[in-house]
């Protein structure tokens, strides 16, 4: 489980990205990079990190499922993810 502070910090970034989304698009369209530079640093979408929806783990994140490899394996073994089966040969 990731630290709660990191999960909260990332949620705060997501809110800020949504808040400044229109303003960023307008400034980019106008080419006003000085005004764009004045916006908060965390309002940039590239500052957001992908995290597991259950554990908050940032590493080994699987975009297709929104889970880390550990959470994915647990759910796949239980058969809770549709279309995913354990391979055997």
N, C-alpha and C. Protein backbone atom coordinates (compact mmCIF):
# COMPACT_ATOMS: atom_id res chain seq x y z
N UNK A 1 0.85 -1.19 0.00
CA UNK A 1 0.00 0.00 0.00
C UNK A 1 0.88 1.24 0.00
N UNK A 2 0.57 2.16 -0.88
CA UNK A 2 1.32 3.41 -0.97
C UNK A 2 0.99 4.31 0.21
N UNK A 3 1.87 5.27 0.45
CA UNK A 3 1.62 6.22 1.53
C UNK A 3 0.37 7.04 1.20
N UNK A 4 -0.45 7.27 2.19
CA UNK A 4 -1.69 8.02 1.99
C UNK A 4 -1.41 9.43 1.50
N UNK A 5 -0.31 10.01 1.94
CA UNK A 5 0.02 11.38 1.54
C UNK A 5 0.28 11.47 0.04
N UNK A 6 0.89 10.44 -0.56
CA UNK A 6 1.15 10.44 -1.99
C UNK A 6 -0.14 10.29 -2.79
N UNK A 7 -1.05 9.48 -2.28
CA UNK A 7 -2.34 9.29 -2.95
C UNK A 7 -3.14 10.59 -2.91
N UNK A 8 -3.16 11.26 -1.76
CA UNK A 8 -3.88 12.52 -1.60
C UNK A 8 -3.26 13.60 -2.49
N UNK A 9 -1.95 13.64 -2.54
CA UNK A 9 -1.24 14.63 -3.35
C UNK A 9 -1.60 14.46 -4.84
N UNK A 10 -1.69 13.21 -5.29
CA UNK A 10 -2.03 12.95 -6.68
C UNK A 10 -3.49 13.33 -6.97
N UNK A 11 -4.39 13.10 -6.01
CA UNK A 11 -5.78 13.51 -6.18
C UNK A 11 -5.89 15.03 -6.28
N UNK A 12 -5.09 15.73 -5.48
CA UNK A 12 -5.06 17.18 -5.51
C UNK A 12 -4.59 17.68 -6.89
N UNK A 13 -3.59 17.00 -7.44
CA UNK A 13 -3.10 17.35 -8.79
C UNK A 13 -4.20 17.16 -9.82
N UNK A 14 -4.96 16.07 -9.71
CA UNK A 14 -6.02 15.80 -10.67
C UNK A 14 -7.07 16.91 -10.65
N UNK A 15 -7.42 17.40 -9.46
CA UNK A 15 -8.38 18.49 -9.35
C UNK A 15 -7.84 19.77 -9.99
N UNK A 16 -6.56 20.04 -9.76
CA UNK A 16 -5.95 21.24 -10.30
C UNK A 16 -5.84 21.17 -11.83
N UNK A 17 -5.57 19.99 -12.35
CA UNK A 17 -5.50 19.80 -13.80
C UNK A 17 -6.85 20.10 -14.43
N UNK A 18 -7.92 19.60 -13.80
CA UNK A 18 -9.27 19.84 -14.31
C UNK A 18 -9.64 21.32 -14.22
N UNK A 19 -9.20 21.98 -13.16
CA UNK A 19 -9.53 23.39 -12.95
C UNK A 19 -8.90 24.29 -14.03
N UNK A 20 -7.66 24.02 -14.39
CA UNK A 20 -6.93 24.89 -15.32
C UNK A 20 -6.91 24.36 -16.76
N UNK A 21 -7.67 23.32 -17.05
CA UNK A 21 -7.64 22.69 -18.37
C UNK A 21 -8.00 23.67 -19.50
N UNK A 22 -9.09 24.40 -19.35
CA UNK A 22 -9.53 25.33 -20.39
C UNK A 22 -8.54 26.48 -20.56
N UNK A 23 -8.09 27.02 -19.45
CA UNK A 23 -7.17 28.16 -19.50
C UNK A 23 -5.86 27.75 -20.18
N UNK A 24 -5.36 26.56 -19.88
CA UNK A 24 -4.15 26.05 -20.51
C UNK A 24 -4.32 25.92 -22.01
N UNK A 25 -5.45 25.37 -22.42
CA UNK A 25 -5.71 25.18 -23.85
C UNK A 25 -5.76 26.53 -24.57
N UNK A 26 -6.40 27.52 -23.96
CA UNK A 26 -6.49 28.85 -24.57
C UNK A 26 -5.11 29.49 -24.71
N UNK A 27 -4.31 29.40 -23.66
CA UNK A 27 -2.98 30.01 -23.69
C UNK A 27 -2.07 29.31 -24.71
N UNK A 28 -2.19 28.01 -24.82
CA UNK A 28 -1.39 27.29 -25.81
C UNK A 28 -1.80 27.68 -27.23
N UNK A 29 -3.11 27.84 -27.43
CA UNK A 29 -3.63 28.22 -28.73
C UNK A 29 -3.13 29.61 -29.14
N UNK A 30 -3.09 30.53 -28.17
CA UNK A 30 -2.61 31.88 -28.43
C UNK A 30 -1.09 31.94 -28.54
N UNK A 31 -0.42 30.95 -28.00
CA UNK A 31 1.04 30.94 -28.01
C UNK A 31 1.65 31.82 -26.93
N UNK A 32 0.88 32.11 -25.90
CA UNK A 32 1.34 32.95 -24.81
C UNK A 32 2.02 32.08 -23.75
N UNK A 33 3.28 31.77 -23.99
CA UNK A 33 4.00 30.85 -23.12
C UNK A 33 4.44 31.50 -21.81
N UNK A 34 4.53 32.83 -21.79
CA UNK A 34 4.86 33.52 -20.54
C UNK A 34 3.71 33.39 -19.54
N UNK A 35 2.49 33.56 -20.01
CA UNK A 35 1.32 33.41 -19.13
C UNK A 35 1.14 31.95 -18.73
N UNK A 36 1.46 31.06 -19.65
CA UNK A 36 1.36 29.62 -19.37
C UNK A 36 2.34 29.24 -18.26
N UNK A 37 3.49 29.89 -18.28
CA UNK A 37 4.51 29.62 -17.26
C UNK A 37 4.08 30.12 -15.88
N UNK A 38 3.18 31.08 -15.84
CA UNK A 38 2.71 31.65 -14.57
C UNK A 38 1.68 30.76 -13.87
N UNK A 39 1.10 29.81 -14.60
CA UNK A 39 0.13 28.90 -13.98
C UNK A 39 0.83 27.98 -12.98
N UNK A 40 0.09 27.41 -12.04
CA UNK A 40 0.70 26.50 -11.06
C UNK A 40 1.34 25.30 -11.75
N UNK A 41 2.43 24.87 -11.22
CA UNK A 41 3.19 23.76 -11.80
C UNK A 41 2.36 22.47 -11.82
N UNK A 42 1.59 22.24 -10.77
CA UNK A 42 0.80 21.00 -10.69
C UNK A 42 -0.43 21.01 -11.59
N UNK A 43 -0.67 22.08 -12.31
CA UNK A 43 -1.81 22.10 -13.23
C UNK A 43 -1.46 21.47 -14.57
N UNK A 44 -0.21 21.09 -14.74
CA UNK A 44 0.22 20.42 -15.97
C UNK A 44 -0.17 18.95 -15.93
N UNK A 45 -0.80 18.42 -16.98
CA UNK A 45 -1.22 17.02 -16.97
C UNK A 45 -0.06 16.02 -16.88
N UNK A 46 1.12 16.43 -17.28
CA UNK A 46 2.26 15.51 -17.23
C UNK A 46 2.75 15.27 -15.81
N UNK A 47 2.32 16.08 -14.85
CA UNK A 47 2.73 15.90 -13.46
C UNK A 47 1.96 14.79 -12.77
N UNK A 48 0.84 14.36 -13.37
CA UNK A 48 0.02 13.31 -12.77
C UNK A 48 0.68 11.95 -12.98
N UNK A 49 0.58 11.08 -11.99
CA UNK A 49 1.13 9.74 -12.12
C UNK A 49 0.00 8.72 -12.12
N UNK A 50 0.20 7.66 -12.86
CA UNK A 50 -0.77 6.57 -12.87
C UNK A 50 -0.61 5.76 -11.60
N UNK A 51 -1.71 5.50 -10.92
CA UNK A 51 -1.68 4.74 -9.68
C UNK A 51 -2.74 3.65 -9.69
N UNK A 52 -2.46 2.56 -9.01
CA UNK A 52 -3.41 1.47 -8.86
C UNK A 52 -4.65 2.00 -8.14
N UNK A 53 -5.82 1.63 -8.64
CA UNK A 53 -7.06 2.15 -8.05
C UNK A 53 -7.33 1.57 -6.67
N UNK A 54 -6.70 0.45 -6.33
CA UNK A 54 -6.94 -0.17 -5.03
C UNK A 54 -5.83 0.10 -4.03
N UNK A 55 -4.60 -0.12 -4.45
CA UNK A 55 -3.48 -0.02 -3.51
C UNK A 55 -2.77 1.32 -3.57
N UNK A 56 -2.90 2.05 -4.67
CA UNK A 56 -2.21 3.32 -4.82
C UNK A 56 -0.78 3.17 -5.29
N UNK A 57 -0.39 1.96 -5.62
CA UNK A 57 0.98 1.69 -6.08
C UNK A 57 1.22 2.35 -7.43
N UNK A 58 2.35 3.03 -7.57
CA UNK A 58 2.67 3.75 -8.80
C UNK A 58 3.47 2.89 -9.78
N UNK A 59 4.25 1.99 -9.27
CA UNK A 59 5.08 1.16 -10.14
C UNK A 59 4.30 -0.04 -10.65
N UNK A 60 4.74 -0.55 -11.80
CA UNK A 60 4.15 -1.72 -12.46
C UNK A 60 2.63 -1.58 -12.58
N UNK A 61 2.21 -0.43 -13.11
CA UNK A 61 0.80 -0.11 -13.31
C UNK A 61 0.36 -0.61 -14.68
N UNK A 62 -0.77 -1.29 -14.77
CA UNK A 62 -1.30 -1.79 -16.03
C UNK A 62 -2.45 -0.89 -16.44
N UNK A 63 -2.24 -0.09 -17.50
CA UNK A 63 -3.23 0.90 -17.92
C UNK A 63 -4.55 0.27 -18.33
N UNK A 64 -4.49 -0.85 -18.99
CA UNK A 64 -5.70 -1.49 -19.50
C UNK A 64 -6.68 -1.84 -18.38
N UNK A 65 -6.16 -2.15 -17.21
CA UNK A 65 -7.01 -2.57 -16.10
C UNK A 65 -7.06 -1.56 -14.97
N UNK A 66 -6.12 -0.62 -14.93
CA UNK A 66 -6.09 0.38 -13.87
C UNK A 66 -5.61 -0.19 -12.55
N UNK A 67 -4.85 -1.28 -12.61
CA UNK A 67 -4.37 -1.95 -11.41
C UNK A 67 -2.86 -2.17 -11.49
N UNK A 68 -2.24 -2.37 -10.33
CA UNK A 68 -0.84 -2.76 -10.32
C UNK A 68 -0.77 -4.26 -10.61
N UNK A 69 0.42 -4.74 -10.88
CA UNK A 69 0.58 -6.16 -11.22
C UNK A 69 0.15 -7.07 -10.08
N UNK A 70 0.35 -6.63 -8.85
CA UNK A 70 0.01 -7.45 -7.69
C UNK A 70 -1.51 -7.57 -7.54
N UNK A 71 -2.19 -6.44 -7.62
CA UNK A 71 -3.66 -6.45 -7.52
C UNK A 71 -4.27 -7.18 -8.71
N UNK A 72 -3.66 -6.99 -9.89
CA UNK A 72 -4.17 -7.67 -11.09
C UNK A 72 -4.08 -9.19 -10.91
N UNK A 73 -2.96 -9.66 -10.40
CA UNK A 73 -2.77 -11.11 -10.23
C UNK A 73 -3.78 -11.69 -9.25
N UNK A 74 -4.03 -10.97 -8.17
CA UNK A 74 -5.00 -11.44 -7.17
C UNK A 74 -6.40 -11.57 -7.80
N UNK A 75 -6.82 -10.53 -8.53
CA UNK A 75 -8.15 -10.55 -9.14
C UNK A 75 -8.26 -11.58 -10.26
N UNK A 76 -7.20 -11.72 -11.03
CA UNK A 76 -7.21 -12.69 -12.13
C UNK A 76 -7.27 -14.12 -11.59
N UNK A 77 -6.57 -14.38 -10.51
CA UNK A 77 -6.59 -15.72 -9.91
C UNK A 77 -7.97 -16.08 -9.37
N UNK A 78 -8.67 -15.07 -8.86
CA UNK A 78 -10.02 -15.31 -8.33
C UNK A 78 -11.06 -15.34 -9.44
N UNK A 79 -10.67 -14.95 -10.66
CA UNK A 79 -11.60 -14.94 -11.79
C UNK A 79 -12.51 -13.73 -11.80
N UNK A 80 -12.08 -12.64 -11.19
CA UNK A 80 -12.90 -11.43 -11.08
C UNK A 80 -12.74 -10.48 -12.26
N UNK A 81 -11.75 -10.73 -13.12
CA UNK A 81 -11.54 -9.87 -14.29
C UNK A 81 -12.04 -10.64 -15.51
N UNK A 82 -13.09 -10.13 -16.18
CA UNK A 82 -13.64 -10.85 -17.32
C UNK A 82 -12.66 -10.92 -18.48
N UNK A 83 -12.58 -12.11 -19.10
CA UNK A 83 -11.74 -12.29 -20.27
C UNK A 83 -10.30 -12.65 -19.95
N UNK A 84 -9.94 -12.71 -18.67
CA UNK A 84 -8.58 -13.04 -18.29
C UNK A 84 -8.57 -14.42 -17.64
N UNK A 85 -7.76 -15.30 -18.19
CA UNK A 85 -7.65 -16.64 -17.62
C UNK A 85 -6.19 -16.95 -17.35
N UNK A 86 -5.95 -17.80 -16.39
CA UNK A 86 -4.59 -18.20 -16.07
C UNK A 86 -4.12 -19.17 -17.13
N UNK A 87 -2.94 -18.89 -17.66
CA UNK A 87 -2.43 -19.77 -18.72
C UNK A 87 -1.86 -21.04 -18.12
N UNK A 88 -2.01 -22.13 -18.84
CA UNK A 88 -1.41 -23.41 -18.43
C UNK A 88 -1.07 -24.20 -19.68
N UNK A 89 0.03 -24.90 -19.63
CA UNK A 89 0.43 -25.70 -20.79
C UNK A 89 1.12 -26.96 -20.34
